Amino acid sequence: MKKFNVPTREQVAPANQAIFDNLHKALGFVPNLYATIAYSENGLGRYLAYQNAKTTLSNKEKEAVNLVVSEVNNCLYCKSAHTLIGKMNGFTDAQLENIRREKADQPKLDALVKLAAAITRNRGNVDALLVDAFYAQGYTDENLVDLILQISDKTAMNYLHNLTQIPVDFPLAPPLS
């Protein structure tokens, strides 16, 4: 299989070079997976706009979804990135491990995590009880749409990494014991 290399700033289109500069200012580096998206002249800008769009999910809920979807899709890059970002959003190591195991200590978050994992694993065909539990915790139809969009965002990145196997540039997520 072709070996993918992470493109440098000089190897991407001018629009992506500007995005690299902005990412470097904001984060101190350009994550390898974002750089890989820049192989597409329009892909990085389009992806970042999608990723940063408004949603009804809180940052903590988004990170829980990102982490459990990445676990289901077995994406080491995204598990590692979202373990770190999850900590930045207030999750403990134990909570992050539980989310990767498809459970959370708060009933509302637990319903979200379980549904997100099932949607990912079963390509949207899930047990009605999981959907009912999601709504019973106060989630709405709008939240369900936003959940699907969040899953699609993370699944795209999981697939990109799983296919390219570019180096992980975050502290590695610990294996589940």
N, C-alpha and C. Protein backbone atom coordinates (compact mmCIF):
# COMPACT_ATOMS: atom_id res chain seq x y z
N MET A 1 0.85 -1.19 0.00
CA MET A 1 0.00 0.00 0.00
C MET A 1 0.89 1.24 0.00
N LYS A 2 0.42 2.28 -0.65
CA LYS A 2 1.14 3.56 -0.71
C LYS A 2 1.42 4.08 0.69
N LYS A 3 2.61 4.60 0.91
CA LYS A 3 2.93 5.24 2.18
C LYS A 3 2.57 6.71 2.08
N PHE A 4 1.79 7.18 3.02
CA PHE A 4 1.40 8.59 3.06
C PHE A 4 2.38 9.36 3.92
N ASN A 5 2.81 10.48 3.41
CA ASN A 5 3.64 11.40 4.17
C ASN A 5 2.81 12.62 4.52
N VAL A 6 3.12 13.23 5.63
CA VAL A 6 2.43 14.45 6.04
C VAL A 6 3.01 15.59 5.19
N PRO A 7 2.16 16.30 4.45
CA PRO A 7 2.71 17.37 3.61
C PRO A 7 3.20 18.55 4.46
N THR A 8 4.22 19.19 3.95
CA THR A 8 4.72 20.40 4.60
C THR A 8 3.94 21.59 4.08
N ARG A 9 4.13 22.73 4.71
CA ARG A 9 3.46 23.96 4.30
C ARG A 9 3.74 24.26 2.83
N GLU A 10 4.96 24.06 2.41
CA GLU A 10 5.36 24.37 1.03
C GLU A 10 4.72 23.44 0.01
N GLN A 11 4.24 22.30 0.44
CA GLN A 11 3.67 21.30 -0.47
C GLN A 11 2.17 21.44 -0.66
N VAL A 12 1.54 22.40 0.01
CA VAL A 12 0.08 22.53 -0.09
C VAL A 12 -0.28 23.84 -0.79
N ALA A 13 -1.52 23.93 -1.21
CA ALA A 13 -2.02 25.10 -1.94
C ALA A 13 -1.93 26.35 -1.05
N PRO A 14 -1.83 27.53 -1.67
CA PRO A 14 -1.74 28.78 -0.90
C PRO A 14 -2.84 28.96 0.15
N ALA A 15 -4.07 28.59 -0.18
CA ALA A 15 -5.15 28.72 0.81
C ALA A 15 -4.87 27.85 2.04
N ASN A 16 -4.34 26.67 1.81
CA ASN A 16 -4.01 25.78 2.92
C ASN A 16 -2.79 26.27 3.69
N GLN A 17 -1.86 26.94 3.00
CA GLN A 17 -0.71 27.52 3.69
C GLN A 17 -1.19 28.56 4.71
N ALA A 18 -2.18 29.36 4.33
CA ALA A 18 -2.73 30.36 5.25
C ALA A 18 -3.39 29.67 6.45
N ILE A 19 -4.09 28.57 6.19
CA ILE A 19 -4.72 27.82 7.29
C ILE A 19 -3.64 27.23 8.19
N PHE A 20 -2.57 26.69 7.61
CA PHE A 20 -1.45 26.18 8.41
C PHE A 20 -0.92 27.28 9.34
N ASP A 21 -0.76 28.49 8.79
CA ASP A 21 -0.25 29.61 9.59
C ASP A 21 -1.19 29.91 10.75
N ASN A 22 -2.50 29.91 10.48
CA ASN A 22 -3.48 30.17 11.54
C ASN A 22 -3.49 29.07 12.59
N LEU A 23 -3.39 27.83 12.15
CA LEU A 23 -3.34 26.71 13.10
C LEU A 23 -2.09 26.79 13.95
N HIS A 24 -0.98 27.13 13.32
CA HIS A 24 0.27 27.23 14.07
C HIS A 24 0.17 28.33 15.13
N LYS A 25 -0.46 29.46 14.79
CA LYS A 25 -0.65 30.55 15.76
C LYS A 25 -1.56 30.11 16.90
N ALA A 26 -2.63 29.40 16.58
CA ALA A 26 -3.63 29.02 17.58
C ALA A 26 -3.17 27.85 18.45
N LEU A 27 -2.53 26.85 17.83
CA LEU A 27 -2.20 25.61 18.54
C LEU A 27 -0.71 25.43 18.83
N GLY A 28 0.10 26.19 18.12
CA GLY A 28 1.54 26.01 18.26
C GLY A 28 2.11 24.98 17.30
N PHE A 29 1.24 24.30 16.55
CA PHE A 29 1.65 23.33 15.55
C PHE A 29 0.46 23.03 14.65
N VAL A 30 0.73 22.36 13.55
CA VAL A 30 -0.34 21.90 12.66
C VAL A 30 -0.47 20.40 12.88
N PRO A 31 -1.58 19.94 13.46
CA PRO A 31 -1.74 18.50 13.67
C PRO A 31 -1.59 17.73 12.35
N ASN A 32 -0.92 16.62 12.42
CA ASN A 32 -0.65 15.83 11.22
C ASN A 32 -1.90 15.46 10.43
N LEU A 33 -2.99 15.19 11.13
CA LEU A 33 -4.20 14.80 10.41
C LEU A 33 -4.78 15.99 9.64
N TYR A 34 -4.72 17.18 10.23
CA TYR A 34 -5.16 18.38 9.49
C TYR A 34 -4.26 18.60 8.28
N ALA A 35 -2.96 18.45 8.48
CA ALA A 35 -2.03 18.63 7.36
C ALA A 35 -2.34 17.65 6.25
N THR A 36 -2.69 16.44 6.60
CA THR A 36 -3.01 15.42 5.60
C THR A 36 -4.24 15.80 4.80
N ILE A 37 -5.22 16.41 5.45
CA ILE A 37 -6.41 16.88 4.74
C ILE A 37 -6.02 17.90 3.67
N ALA A 38 -4.93 18.61 3.91
CA ALA A 38 -4.49 19.68 3.00
C ALA A 38 -3.98 19.14 1.67
N TYR A 39 -3.88 17.82 1.50
CA TYR A 39 -3.62 17.28 0.16
C TYR A 39 -4.72 17.75 -0.80
N SER A 40 -5.92 17.95 -0.26
CA SER A 40 -7.03 18.48 -1.04
C SER A 40 -7.00 20.00 -0.96
N GLU A 41 -6.98 20.65 -2.10
CA GLU A 41 -6.88 22.11 -2.12
C GLU A 41 -7.99 22.78 -1.32
N ASN A 42 -9.19 22.21 -1.35
CA ASN A 42 -10.33 22.80 -0.64
C ASN A 42 -10.73 22.02 0.61
N GLY A 43 -10.16 20.85 0.79
CA GLY A 43 -10.60 19.96 1.86
C GLY A 43 -10.41 20.51 3.27
N LEU A 44 -9.25 21.10 3.53
CA LEU A 44 -8.97 21.55 4.90
C LEU A 44 -9.90 22.68 5.31
N GLY A 45 -10.06 23.66 4.47
CA GLY A 45 -10.98 24.76 4.79
C GLY A 45 -12.41 24.27 4.96
N ARG A 46 -12.82 23.39 4.06
CA ARG A 46 -14.19 22.85 4.14
C ARG A 46 -14.37 22.05 5.42
N TYR A 47 -13.38 21.22 5.75
CA TYR A 47 -13.49 20.40 6.96
C TYR A 47 -13.53 21.26 8.22
N LEU A 48 -12.63 22.24 8.32
CA LEU A 48 -12.59 23.08 9.52
C LEU A 48 -13.88 23.87 9.69
N ALA A 49 -14.47 24.33 8.59
CA ALA A 49 -15.76 25.04 8.69
C ALA A 49 -16.83 24.09 9.23
N TYR A 50 -16.83 22.86 8.76
CA TYR A 50 -17.79 21.86 9.22
C TYR A 50 -17.55 21.53 10.70
N GLN A 51 -16.30 21.31 11.04
CA GLN A 51 -15.96 20.94 12.41
C GLN A 51 -16.30 22.05 13.41
N ASN A 52 -16.13 23.29 12.99
CA ASN A 52 -16.33 24.42 13.90
C ASN A 52 -17.73 25.04 13.81
N ALA A 53 -18.63 24.42 13.07
CA ALA A 53 -19.99 24.94 12.95
C ALA A 53 -20.72 24.86 14.29
N LYS A 54 -21.68 25.74 14.48
CA LYS A 54 -22.47 25.73 15.72
C LYS A 54 -23.23 24.42 15.84
N THR A 55 -23.42 24.01 17.08
CA THR A 55 -24.12 22.77 17.39
C THR A 55 -24.84 22.93 18.72
N THR A 56 -25.83 22.09 18.95
CA THR A 56 -26.52 22.10 20.25
C THR A 56 -25.76 21.29 21.29
N LEU A 57 -24.77 20.54 20.87
CA LEU A 57 -23.99 19.74 21.83
C LEU A 57 -22.94 20.62 22.50
N SER A 58 -22.75 20.43 23.79
CA SER A 58 -21.71 21.15 24.51
C SER A 58 -20.35 20.62 24.09
N ASN A 59 -19.30 21.35 24.42
CA ASN A 59 -17.95 20.88 24.11
C ASN A 59 -17.67 19.54 24.76
N LYS A 60 -18.14 19.37 25.99
CA LYS A 60 -17.93 18.11 26.70
C LYS A 60 -18.68 16.97 25.99
N GLU A 61 -19.90 17.23 25.57
CA GLU A 61 -20.66 16.21 24.85
C GLU A 61 -19.98 15.87 23.52
N LYS A 62 -19.51 16.89 22.81
CA LYS A 62 -18.82 16.66 21.54
C LYS A 62 -17.58 15.78 21.76
N GLU A 63 -16.82 16.06 22.80
CA GLU A 63 -15.61 15.28 23.06
C GLU A 63 -15.95 13.84 23.44
N ALA A 64 -17.04 13.65 24.19
CA ALA A 64 -17.46 12.28 24.52
C ALA A 64 -17.82 11.52 23.25
N VAL A 65 -18.55 12.18 22.35
CA VAL A 65 -18.91 11.55 21.08
C VAL A 65 -17.64 11.26 20.26
N ASN A 66 -16.77 12.26 20.15
CA ASN A 66 -15.54 12.07 19.38
C ASN A 66 -14.74 10.88 19.89
N LEU A 67 -14.66 10.75 21.20
CA LEU A 67 -13.85 9.69 21.79
C LEU A 67 -14.48 8.31 21.59
N VAL A 68 -15.78 8.19 21.84
CA VAL A 68 -16.40 6.87 21.70
C VAL A 68 -16.45 6.45 20.24
N VAL A 69 -16.69 7.38 19.32
CA VAL A 69 -16.70 7.04 17.90
C VAL A 69 -15.30 6.59 17.47
N SER A 70 -14.28 7.28 17.94
CA SER A 70 -12.91 6.92 17.60
C SER A 70 -12.54 5.55 18.17
N GLU A 71 -13.06 5.23 19.32
CA GLU A 71 -12.82 3.90 19.91
C GLU A 71 -13.50 2.82 19.06
N VAL A 72 -14.77 3.05 18.72
CA VAL A 72 -15.49 2.07 17.90
C VAL A 72 -14.78 1.87 16.56
N ASN A 73 -14.29 2.96 15.97
CA ASN A 73 -13.62 2.89 14.67
C ASN A 73 -12.13 2.54 14.79
N ASN A 74 -11.68 2.33 16.02
CA ASN A 74 -10.30 1.93 16.32
C ASN A 74 -9.27 2.86 15.66
N CYS A 75 -9.45 4.15 15.88
CA CYS A 75 -8.53 5.15 15.32
C CYS A 75 -7.62 5.66 16.43
N LEU A 76 -6.37 5.21 16.43
CA LEU A 76 -5.42 5.60 17.47
C LEU A 76 -5.18 7.11 17.47
N TYR A 77 -5.07 7.70 16.30
CA TYR A 77 -4.82 9.15 16.23
C TYR A 77 -5.93 9.91 16.95
N CYS A 78 -7.17 9.63 16.59
CA CYS A 78 -8.28 10.39 17.17
C CYS A 78 -8.53 10.03 18.64
N LYS A 79 -8.32 8.76 19.02
CA LYS A 79 -8.42 8.41 20.44
C LYS A 79 -7.41 9.22 21.24
N SER A 80 -6.21 9.35 20.70
CA SER A 80 -5.15 10.09 21.39
C SER A 80 -5.48 11.57 21.47
N ALA A 81 -5.87 12.16 20.35
CA ALA A 81 -6.20 13.59 20.33
C ALA A 81 -7.36 13.89 21.27
N HIS A 82 -8.40 13.07 21.23
CA HIS A 82 -9.60 13.38 22.02
C HIS A 82 -9.48 12.96 23.48
N THR A 83 -8.52 12.13 23.80
CA THR A 83 -8.21 11.91 25.22
C THR A 83 -7.62 13.19 25.79
N LEU A 84 -6.69 13.79 25.08
CA LEU A 84 -6.08 15.05 25.52
C LEU A 84 -7.12 16.18 25.56
N ILE A 85 -7.90 16.32 24.50
CA ILE A 85 -8.90 17.40 24.45
C ILE A 85 -9.99 17.15 25.49
N GLY A 86 -10.32 15.89 25.73
CA GLY A 86 -11.30 15.56 26.77
C GLY A 86 -10.82 16.02 28.14
N LYS A 87 -9.54 15.83 28.43
CA LYS A 87 -8.98 16.32 29.70
C LYS A 87 -9.08 17.84 29.77
N MET A 88 -8.81 18.50 28.65
CA MET A 88 -8.91 19.96 28.61
C MET A 88 -10.34 20.43 28.83
N ASN A 89 -11.31 19.56 28.58
CA ASN A 89 -12.72 19.90 28.79
C ASN A 89 -13.26 19.38 30.12
N GLY A 90 -12.36 18.93 31.00
CA GLY A 90 -12.76 18.60 32.36
C GLY A 90 -13.00 17.15 32.69
N PHE A 91 -12.80 16.26 31.73
CA PHE A 91 -12.95 14.83 32.04
C PHE A 91 -11.72 14.31 32.77
N THR A 92 -11.93 13.38 33.68
CA THR A 92 -10.82 12.71 34.36
C THR A 92 -10.37 11.51 33.51
N ASP A 93 -9.21 10.97 33.85
CA ASP A 93 -8.73 9.78 33.16
C ASP A 93 -9.74 8.64 33.25
N ALA A 94 -10.32 8.45 34.43
CA ALA A 94 -11.30 7.37 34.62
C ALA A 94 -12.55 7.61 33.78
N GLN A 95 -13.02 8.84 33.72
CA GLN A 95 -14.19 9.15 32.90
C GLN A 95 -13.91 8.91 31.42
N LEU A 96 -12.71 9.29 30.97
CA LEU A 96 -12.35 9.08 29.57
C LEU A 96 -12.27 7.60 29.23
N GLU A 97 -11.72 6.81 30.14
CA GLU A 97 -11.67 5.37 29.92
C GLU A 97 -13.07 4.78 29.85
N ASN A 98 -13.95 5.24 30.75
CA ASN A 98 -15.33 4.75 30.73
C ASN A 98 -16.04 5.12 29.43
N ILE A 99 -15.82 6.34 28.95
CA ILE A 99 -16.44 6.74 27.69
C ILE A 99 -15.97 5.83 26.56
N ARG A 100 -14.69 5.51 26.54
CA ARG A 100 -14.17 4.59 25.53
C ARG A 100 -14.82 3.21 25.66
N ARG A 101 -15.29 2.88 26.87
CA ARG A 101 -15.98 1.60 27.10
C ARG A 101 -17.50 1.74 26.93
N GLU A 102 -17.91 2.89 26.40
CA GLU A 102 -19.31 3.16 26.07
C GLU A 102 -20.20 3.34 27.29
N LYS A 103 -19.66 4.02 28.29
CA LYS A 103 -20.48 4.34 29.47
C LYS A 103 -19.98 5.64 30.07
N ALA A 104 -20.87 6.32 30.76
CA ALA A 104 -20.52 7.57 31.44
C ALA A 104 -21.20 7.59 32.79
N ASP A 105 -20.64 8.37 33.71
CA ASP A 105 -21.16 8.38 35.08
C ASP A 105 -22.39 9.27 35.25
N GLN A 106 -22.72 10.07 34.28
CA GLN A 106 -23.93 10.90 34.33
C GLN A 106 -24.95 10.30 33.37
N PRO A 107 -26.22 10.11 33.80
CA PRO A 107 -27.21 9.44 32.95
C PRO A 107 -27.39 10.09 31.57
N LYS A 108 -27.39 11.41 31.50
CA LYS A 108 -27.60 12.07 30.21
C LYS A 108 -26.43 11.79 29.28
N LEU A 109 -25.22 11.93 29.78
CA LEU A 109 -24.04 11.68 28.96
C LEU A 109 -23.95 10.20 28.60
N ASP A 110 -24.35 9.33 29.51
CA ASP A 110 -24.35 7.90 29.25
C ASP A 110 -25.26 7.55 28.07
N ALA A 111 -26.44 8.15 28.04
CA ALA A 111 -27.38 7.89 26.93
C ALA A 111 -26.78 8.36 25.61
N LEU A 112 -26.11 9.51 25.63
CA LEU A 112 -25.47 10.06 24.43
C LEU A 112 -24.35 9.14 23.95
N VAL A 113 -23.49 8.72 24.85
CA VAL A 113 -22.34 7.88 24.51
C VAL A 113 -22.81 6.53 23.95
N LYS A 114 -23.78 5.93 24.60
CA LYS A 114 -24.27 4.63 24.15
C LYS A 114 -24.90 4.73 22.76
N LEU A 115 -25.68 5.78 22.53
CA LEU A 115 -26.31 5.95 21.22
C LEU A 115 -25.26 6.24 20.15
N ALA A 116 -24.30 7.09 20.45
CA ALA A 116 -23.25 7.41 19.48
C ALA A 116 -22.47 6.15 19.09
N ALA A 117 -22.14 5.33 20.06
CA ALA A 117 -21.40 4.09 19.77
C ALA A 117 -22.23 3.16 18.91
N ALA A 118 -23.50 3.02 19.23
CA ALA A 118 -24.37 2.11 18.47
C ALA A 118 -24.59 2.62 17.04
N ILE A 119 -24.79 3.92 16.89
CA ILE A 119 -24.96 4.49 15.55
C ILE A 119 -23.72 4.20 14.72
N THR A 120 -22.55 4.41 15.30
CA THR A 120 -21.29 4.20 14.58
C THR A 120 -21.12 2.73 14.22
N ARG A 121 -21.30 1.87 15.18
CA ARG A 121 -21.07 0.44 14.98
C ARG A 121 -22.06 -0.15 13.97
N ASN A 122 -23.30 0.33 14.02
CA ASN A 122 -24.38 -0.28 13.23
C ASN A 122 -24.82 0.58 12.05
N ARG A 123 -24.00 1.59 11.71
CA ARG A 123 -24.26 2.45 10.55
C ARG A 123 -25.66 3.07 10.59
N GLY A 124 -26.06 3.49 11.77
CA GLY A 124 -27.33 4.18 11.93
C GLY A 124 -28.51 3.30 12.26
N ASN A 125 -28.33 2.01 12.22
CA ASN A 125 -29.42 1.08 12.54
C ASN A 125 -29.28 0.65 13.99
N VAL A 126 -30.04 1.30 14.87
CA VAL A 126 -29.87 1.05 16.31
C VAL A 126 -31.16 0.57 16.96
N ASP A 127 -31.00 -0.01 18.12
CA ASP A 127 -32.11 -0.47 18.93
C ASP A 127 -32.94 0.74 19.37
N ALA A 128 -34.23 0.66 19.22
CA ALA A 128 -35.13 1.76 19.58
C ALA A 128 -34.99 2.14 21.06
N LEU A 129 -34.61 1.20 21.91
CA LEU A 129 -34.45 1.50 23.33
C LEU A 129 -33.34 2.53 23.56
N LEU A 130 -32.29 2.49 22.76
CA LEU A 130 -31.21 3.48 22.90
C LEU A 130 -31.69 4.87 22.49
N VAL A 131 -32.49 4.93 21.44
CA VAL A 131 -33.04 6.22 21.01
C VAL A 131 -34.01 6.75 22.06
N ASP A 132 -34.85 5.87 22.59
CA ASP A 132 -35.80 6.28 23.63
C ASP A 132 -35.06 6.78 24.87
N ALA A 133 -33.97 6.11 25.24
CA ALA A 133 -33.19 6.53 26.41
C ALA A 133 -32.57 7.91 26.16
N PHE A 134 -32.12 8.17 24.96
CA PHE A 134 -31.57 9.47 24.56
C PHE A 134 -32.62 10.56 24.77
N TYR A 135 -33.82 10.34 24.25
CA TYR A 135 -34.89 11.34 24.40
C TYR A 135 -35.36 11.45 25.85
N ALA A 136 -35.35 10.35 26.58
CA ALA A 136 -35.77 10.37 27.99
C ALA A 136 -34.85 11.24 28.84
N GLN A 137 -33.62 11.44 28.40
CA GLN A 137 -32.67 12.27 29.14
C GLN A 137 -32.78 13.75 28.77
N GLY A 138 -33.78 14.09 27.95
CA GLY A 138 -34.01 15.50 27.62
C GLY A 138 -33.45 15.95 26.29
N TYR A 139 -32.83 15.04 25.55
CA TYR A 139 -32.35 15.40 24.22
C TYR A 139 -33.53 15.58 23.27
N THR A 140 -33.32 16.33 22.22
CA THR A 140 -34.37 16.69 21.27
C THR A 140 -34.04 16.16 19.87
N ASP A 141 -34.96 16.36 18.95
CA ASP A 141 -34.71 16.00 17.55
C ASP A 141 -33.51 16.78 17.02
N GLU A 142 -33.40 18.06 17.41
CA GLU A 142 -32.26 18.87 16.97
C GLU A 142 -30.95 18.26 17.49
N ASN A 143 -30.95 17.82 18.74
CA ASN A 143 -29.76 17.17 19.30
C ASN A 143 -29.41 15.90 18.54
N LEU A 144 -30.43 15.14 18.12
CA LEU A 144 -30.17 13.91 17.38
C LEU A 144 -29.50 14.23 16.04
N VAL A 145 -29.98 15.24 15.35
CA VAL A 145 -29.35 15.64 14.09
C VAL A 145 -27.91 16.07 14.34
N ASP A 146 -27.69 16.88 15.37
CA ASP A 146 -26.33 17.33 15.69
C ASP A 146 -25.43 16.17 16.08
N LEU A 147 -25.99 15.17 16.75
CA LEU A 147 -25.22 13.97 17.09
C LEU A 147 -24.77 13.25 15.82
N ILE A 148 -25.67 13.08 14.87
CA ILE A 148 -25.32 12.41 13.61
C ILE A 148 -24.23 13.19 12.88
N LEU A 149 -24.34 14.51 12.87
CA LEU A 149 -23.33 15.33 12.21
C LEU A 149 -21.98 15.21 12.92
N GLN A 150 -21.99 15.15 14.25
CA GLN A 150 -20.74 14.98 15.00
C GLN A 150 -20.10 13.63 14.70
N ILE A 151 -20.93 12.60 14.64
CA ILE A 151 -20.43 11.26 14.31
C ILE A 151 -19.82 11.25 12.91
N SER A 152 -20.48 11.93 11.97
CA SER A 152 -19.95 11.94 10.60
C SER A 152 -18.62 12.67 10.53
N ASP A 153 -18.49 13.77 11.27
CA ASP A 153 -17.22 14.51 11.34
C ASP A 153 -16.11 13.58 11.82
N LYS A 154 -16.35 12.92 12.93
CA LYS A 154 -15.29 12.10 13.52
C LYS A 154 -15.03 10.84 12.71
N THR A 155 -16.06 10.26 12.13
CA THR A 155 -15.86 9.06 11.31
C THR A 155 -14.98 9.38 10.10
N ALA A 156 -15.18 10.54 9.49
CA ALA A 156 -14.33 10.92 8.35
C ALA A 156 -12.87 10.98 8.76
N MET A 157 -12.59 11.58 9.91
CA MET A 157 -11.20 11.68 10.37
C MET A 157 -10.65 10.31 10.76
N ASN A 158 -11.49 9.48 11.38
CA ASN A 158 -11.07 8.12 11.73
C ASN A 158 -10.68 7.35 10.47
N TYR A 159 -11.50 7.45 9.46
CA TYR A 159 -11.21 6.74 8.21
C TYR A 159 -9.94 7.27 7.56
N LEU A 160 -9.77 8.59 7.59
CA LEU A 160 -8.57 9.18 6.98
C LEU A 160 -7.31 8.66 7.67
N HIS A 161 -7.33 8.64 9.00
CA HIS A 161 -6.14 8.14 9.69
C HIS A 161 -5.97 6.64 9.51
N ASN A 162 -7.05 5.90 9.63
CA ASN A 162 -6.93 4.45 9.50
C ASN A 162 -6.38 4.05 8.13
N LEU A 163 -6.69 4.83 7.11
CA LEU A 163 -6.19 4.54 5.77
C LEU A 163 -4.75 5.03 5.58
N THR A 164 -4.44 6.22 6.05
CA THR A 164 -3.12 6.80 5.79
C THR A 164 -2.07 6.40 6.81
N GLN A 165 -2.49 6.12 8.05
CA GLN A 165 -1.57 5.76 9.13
C GLN A 165 -0.46 6.80 9.33
N ILE A 166 -0.80 8.08 9.16
CA ILE A 166 0.19 9.13 9.39
C ILE A 166 0.54 9.13 10.88
N PRO A 167 1.73 9.62 11.25
CA PRO A 167 2.16 9.57 12.65
C PRO A 167 1.24 10.34 13.59
N VAL A 168 1.04 9.76 14.75
CA VAL A 168 0.24 10.41 15.80
C VAL A 168 1.13 11.44 16.48
N ASP A 169 0.67 12.68 16.54
CA ASP A 169 1.47 13.75 17.14
C ASP A 169 0.83 14.29 18.42
N PHE A 170 0.14 13.41 19.11
CA PHE A 170 -0.43 13.69 20.44
C PHE A 170 0.07 12.59 21.37
N PRO A 171 0.05 12.83 22.69
CA PRO A 171 0.38 11.72 23.60
C PRO A 171 -0.56 10.54 23.32
N LEU A 172 -0.03 9.36 23.20
CA LEU A 172 -0.85 8.20 22.85
C LEU A 172 -1.88 7.89 23.91
N ALA A 173 -3.09 7.60 23.47
CA ALA A 173 -4.14 7.17 24.40
C ALA A 173 -3.71 5.84 25.01
N PRO A 174 -3.89 5.70 26.31
CA PRO A 174 -3.50 4.43 26.91
C PRO A 174 -4.41 3.30 26.43
N PRO A 175 -3.86 2.10 26.30
CA PRO A 175 -4.72 0.98 25.93
C PRO A 175 -5.75 0.72 27.03
N LEU A 176 -6.91 0.24 26.65
CA LEU A 176 -7.91 -0.12 27.66
C LEU A 176 -7.46 -1.39 28.35
N SER A 177 -7.58 -1.38 29.69
CA SER A 177 -7.13 -2.55 30.45
C SER A 177 -8.21 -3.60 30.53
